[in-house]
Amino acid sequence: MRKKIAELIARDWIGMKVEVVESPNQCEIGLKGEIVDETEKTFRIITEKGLKVVAKKGRSFRIEYEGKKMRISGDLLAFRPEERIMKGLMLIKRAKGVVK
């Protein structure tokens, strides 16, 4: 499971379908759509009701990845996309025993 999370951290999230399952803002819970842009602190999600900007930190997201529904903390994603991808790749290498 740790490897799957590392793979999620290391991938580009633009184009992924997400649902907000936990948030300090009750209005965001249940928000579903496709990520169309990402910054260090936010996702821009296109929903049935238009474009919504959702903070990553303090939220949990549900996505479908390789046929499985997974839940991931936005705190793990709250980095600039290029930094997050590099961190994810490092975690994958550690999981494979390539890097200590």
Protein backbone atom coordinates (compact mmCIF):
# COMPACT_ATOMS: atom_id res chain seq x y z
CA MET A 1 0.00 0.00 0.00
CA ARG A 2 2.87 2.39 0.74
CA LYS A 3 4.16 1.89 -2.79
CA LYS A 4 0.73 2.79 -4.24
CA ILE A 5 0.67 6.01 -2.19
CA ALA A 6 4.21 6.83 -3.35
CA GLU A 7 3.07 6.25 -6.94
CA LEU A 8 0.13 8.61 -6.40
CA ILE A 9 2.39 11.29 -4.94
CA ALA A 10 4.77 10.92 -7.90
CA ARG A 11 2.17 11.26 -10.64
CA ASP A 12 0.62 14.24 -12.41
CA TRP A 13 -2.83 14.82 -10.91
CA ILE A 14 -4.20 16.92 -13.76
CA GLY A 15 -6.97 14.92 -15.44
CA MET A 16 -7.67 12.75 -12.39
CA LYS A 17 -11.22 12.42 -11.08
CA VAL A 18 -11.43 13.26 -7.38
CA GLU A 19 -13.94 13.59 -4.58
CA VAL A 20 -13.39 15.60 -1.41
CA VAL A 21 -14.24 13.25 1.48
CA GLU A 22 -12.91 15.25 4.43
CA SER A 23 -12.58 18.99 4.84
CA PRO A 24 -12.85 21.66 7.53
CA ASN A 25 -15.24 23.40 5.08
CA GLN A 26 -18.46 21.34 5.12
CA CYS A 27 -19.44 22.78 1.72
CA GLU A 28 -16.48 21.01 0.08
CA ILE A 29 -17.34 17.51 1.32
CA GLY A 30 -18.78 15.47 -1.54
CA LEU A 31 -17.42 17.83 -4.20
CA LYS A 32 -16.57 15.69 -7.26
CA GLY A 33 -14.92 16.46 -10.53
CA GLU A 34 -11.78 16.43 -12.62
CA ILE A 35 -8.60 18.27 -11.68
CA VAL A 36 -7.78 20.79 -14.39
CA ASP A 37 -4.95 22.69 -12.65
CA GLU A 38 -2.76 22.39 -9.60
CA THR A 39 -0.68 24.79 -7.53
CA GLU A 40 1.40 24.24 -4.42
CA LYS A 41 -1.62 24.66 -2.15
CA THR A 42 -4.70 24.04 -4.30
CA PHE A 43 -6.44 21.93 -6.89
CA ARG A 44 -8.72 23.52 -9.48
CA ILE A 45 -11.55 21.05 -10.02
CA ILE A 46 -14.16 21.26 -12.75
CA THR A 47 -17.50 20.07 -11.36
CA GLU A 48 -21.06 19.95 -12.63
CA LYS A 49 -21.51 23.42 -11.12
CA GLY A 50 -18.36 24.93 -12.59
CA LEU A 51 -14.76 25.50 -11.55
CA LYS A 52 -13.97 25.14 -7.84
CA VAL A 53 -10.67 25.82 -6.08
CA VAL A 54 -9.99 23.47 -3.18
CA ALA A 55 -7.06 23.67 -0.78
CA LYS A 56 -4.99 20.50 -0.43
CA LYS A 57 -3.94 20.91 3.20
CA GLY A 58 -6.42 19.61 5.76
CA ARG A 59 -8.51 17.73 3.19
CA SER A 60 -8.77 14.07 2.17
CA PHE A 61 -9.46 13.05 -1.40
CA ARG A 62 -10.88 9.85 -2.88
CA ILE A 63 -9.64 8.84 -6.30
CA GLU A 64 -9.78 5.78 -8.48
CA TYR A 65 -6.30 4.52 -9.25
CA GLU A 66 -5.56 1.31 -11.14
CA GLY A 67 -9.15 0.15 -10.65
CA LYS A 68 -9.16 0.72 -6.88
CA LYS A 69 -10.74 3.52 -4.91
CA MET A 70 -8.13 5.10 -2.68
CA ARG A 71 -8.19 7.83 -0.10
CA ILE A 72 -5.21 10.14 0.26
CA SER A 73 -4.50 13.03 2.57
CA GLY A 74 -4.08 16.36 0.86
CA ASP A 75 -1.25 17.08 3.31
CA LEU A 76 0.85 14.55 1.37
CA LEU A 77 0.15 16.49 -1.83
CA ALA A 78 0.63 20.04 -0.50
CA PHE A 79 3.81 20.80 -2.41
CA ARG A 80 4.56 22.39 -5.75
CA PRO A 81 3.72 19.71 -8.34
CA GLU A 82 7.34 19.29 -9.46
CA GLU A 83 8.57 18.97 -5.84
CA ARG A 84 5.80 16.50 -4.99
CA ILE A 85 6.66 14.34 -7.99
CA MET A 86 10.34 14.26 -6.98
CA LYS A 87 9.41 13.31 -3.39
CA GLY A 88 7.17 10.53 -4.70
CA LEU A 89 9.91 9.17 -6.93
CA MET A 90 12.30 9.15 -3.96
CA LEU A 91 9.71 7.22 -1.89
CA ILE A 92 9.32 4.66 -4.70
CA LYS A 93 13.09 4.18 -4.88
CA ARG A 94 13.24 3.71 -1.11
CA ALA A 95 10.42 1.16 -1.26
CA LYS A 96 12.40 -0.78 -3.89
CA GLY A 97 15.57 -0.55 -1.79
CA VAL A 98 17.43 1.51 -4.38
CA VAL A 99 18.06 4.49 -2.06
CA LYS A 100 18.48 4.58 1.71
